[in-house]
Amino acid sequence: FSQLSFSSQNSRGTKRKWNLEEDVVLVACMVDLYNIGTYNADTRFKAGYLNELERMLEKVLPHATLKAKPNLE
């Protein structure tokens, strides 16, 4: 698992590689969003969850500079 590499592509065509720590924190934050209930619905997350997710990630990974668009989208 640690050898897997994921990337996100933005509108300018540049790629940002996610590391394992970022992946783990992303999943943990998404689970927190779901459990809190503010941003979840029956089948998917509600509007505005990406911005809240960006704020959550900034607190845990302040130097990662992950943005709602294009990184999280």
C-alpha atoms as a PDB file:
ATOM      1  CA  PHE A   1       0.000   0.000   0.000  1.00  0.00           C
ATOM      2  CA  SER A   2       2.752   2.459   0.820  1.00  0.00           C
ATOM      3  CA  GLN A   3       4.129   2.192  -2.716  1.00  0.00           C
ATOM      4  CA  LEU A   4       0.907   3.383  -4.316  1.00  0.00           C
ATOM      5  CA  SER A   5       1.000   6.887  -5.702  1.00  0.00           C
ATOM      6  CA  PHE A   6      -2.083   9.044  -6.215  1.00  0.00           C
ATOM      7  CA  SER A   7      -2.254  12.373  -7.941  1.00  0.00           C
ATOM      8  CA  SER A   8      -4.675  15.178  -8.524  1.00  0.00           C
ATOM      9  CA  GLN A   9      -4.701  17.192 -11.730  1.00  0.00           C
ATOM     10  CA  ASN A  10      -5.736  20.818 -11.820  1.00  0.00           C
ATOM     11  CA  SER A  11      -6.994  22.915 -14.714  1.00  0.00           C
ATOM     12  CA  ARG A  12      -3.465  23.943 -15.706  1.00  0.00           C
ATOM     13  CA  GLY A  13      -2.414  20.337 -16.212  1.00  0.00           C
ATOM     14  CA  THR A  14       0.094  20.118 -13.381  1.00  0.00           C
ATOM     15  CA  LYS A  15      -0.057  17.133 -11.087  1.00  0.00           C
ATOM     16  CA  ARG A  16       0.333  17.022  -7.347  1.00  0.00           C
ATOM     17  CA  LYS A  17       1.301  13.720  -5.793  1.00  0.00           C
ATOM     18  CA  TRP A  18      -0.397  12.763  -2.543  1.00  0.00           C
ATOM     19  CA  ASN A  19       1.713  11.051   0.081  1.00  0.00           C
ATOM     20  CA  LEU A  20       0.520   8.372   2.492  1.00  0.00           C
ATOM     21  CA  GLU A  21       0.147  10.790   5.425  1.00  0.00           C
ATOM     22  CA  GLU A  22      -2.088  13.083   3.346  1.00  0.00           C
ATOM     23  CA  ASP A  23      -4.211  10.126   2.222  1.00  0.00           C
ATOM     24  CA  VAL A  24      -4.702   8.966   5.813  1.00  0.00           C
ATOM     25  CA  VAL A  25      -5.609  12.454   7.046  1.00  0.00           C
ATOM     26  CA  LEU A  26      -7.998  12.996   4.105  1.00  0.00           C
ATOM     27  CA  VAL A  27      -9.909   9.793   4.859  1.00  0.00           C
ATOM     28  CA  ALA A  28     -10.008  10.576   8.591  1.00  0.00           C
ATOM     29  CA  CYS A  29     -11.369  14.073   7.923  1.00  0.00           C
ATOM     30  CA  MET A  30     -14.013  12.738   5.525  1.00  0.00           C
ATOM     31  CA  VAL A  31     -15.119  10.204   8.143  1.00  0.00           C
ATOM     32  CA  ASP A  32     -15.316  13.041  10.690  1.00  0.00           C
ATOM     33  CA  LEU A  33     -17.447  15.103   8.301  1.00  0.00           C
ATOM     34  CA  TYR A  34     -19.772  12.172   7.805  1.00  0.00           C
ATOM     35  CA  ASN A  35     -20.043  11.435  11.529  1.00  0.00           C
ATOM     36  CA  ILE A  36     -20.665  15.075  12.476  1.00  0.00           C
ATOM     37  CA  GLY A  37     -23.680  15.066  10.179  1.00  0.00           C
ATOM     38  CA  THR A  38     -23.461  18.674   9.051  1.00  0.00           C
ATOM     39  CA  TYR A  39     -22.238  17.866   5.570  1.00  0.00           C
ATOM     40  CA  ASN A  40     -23.711  14.439   4.894  1.00  0.00           C
ATOM     41  CA  ALA A  41     -26.914  13.352   3.244  1.00  0.00           C
ATOM     42  CA  ASP A  42     -28.353   9.916   2.580  1.00  0.00           C
ATOM     43  CA  THR A  43     -26.155   9.133  -0.412  1.00  0.00           C
ATOM     44  CA  ARG A  44     -23.447  11.807  -0.633  1.00  0.00           C
ATOM     45  CA  PHE A  45     -21.897  14.867   0.954  1.00  0.00           C
ATOM     46  CA  LYS A  46     -23.798  18.151   0.876  1.00  0.00           C
ATOM     47  CA  ALA A  47     -22.698  21.335  -0.874  1.00  0.00           C
ATOM     48  CA  GLY A  48     -19.892  23.145   0.891  1.00  0.00           C
ATOM     49  CA  TYR A  49     -18.175  20.030   2.218  1.00  0.00           C
ATOM     50  CA  LEU A  50     -15.049  20.604   0.117  1.00  0.00           C
ATOM     51  CA  ASN A  51     -14.420  23.993   1.723  1.00  0.00           C
ATOM     52  CA  GLU A  52     -14.923  22.541   5.198  1.00  0.00           C
ATOM     53  CA  LEU A  53     -12.639  19.638   4.291  1.00  0.00           C
ATOM     54  CA  GLU A  54      -9.993  22.126   3.124  1.00  0.00           C
ATOM     55  CA  ARG A  55     -10.180  23.917   6.496  1.00  0.00           C
ATOM     56  CA  MET A  56      -9.897  20.634   8.397  1.00  0.00           C
ATOM     57  CA  LEU A  57      -6.873  19.525   6.370  1.00  0.00           C
ATOM     58  CA  GLU A  58      -5.186  22.924   6.830  1.00  0.00           C
ATOM     59  CA  LYS A  59      -5.308  22.440  10.620  1.00  0.00           C
ATOM     60  CA  VAL A  60      -3.658  19.006  10.478  1.00  0.00           C
ATOM     61  CA  LEU A  61      -1.384  19.516   7.453  1.00  0.00           C
ATOM     62  CA  PRO A  62      -0.667  23.274   7.365  1.00  0.00           C
ATOM     63  CA  HIS A  63       2.201  23.018   4.875  1.00  0.00           C
ATOM     64  CA  ALA A  64       0.458  20.711   2.412  1.00  0.00           C
ATOM     65  CA  THR A  65      -1.462  23.595   0.759  1.00  0.00           C
ATOM     66  CA  LEU A  66      -4.327  21.338  -0.290  1.00  0.00           C
ATOM     67  CA  LYS A  67      -7.151  23.346  -1.842  1.00  0.00           C
ATOM     68  CA  ALA A  68     -10.768  22.411  -2.428  1.00  0.00           C
ATOM     69  CA  LYS A  69     -10.249  23.039  -6.132  1.00  0.00           C
ATOM     70  CA  PRO A  70      -8.398  21.339  -7.724  1.00  0.00           C
ATOM     71  CA  ASN A  71      -6.837  19.021  -5.132  1.00  0.00           C
ATOM     72  CA  LEU A  72      -9.880  17.764  -3.271  1.00  0.00           C
ATOM     73  CA  GLU A  73     -12.424  17.984  -6.049  1.00  0.00           C
END
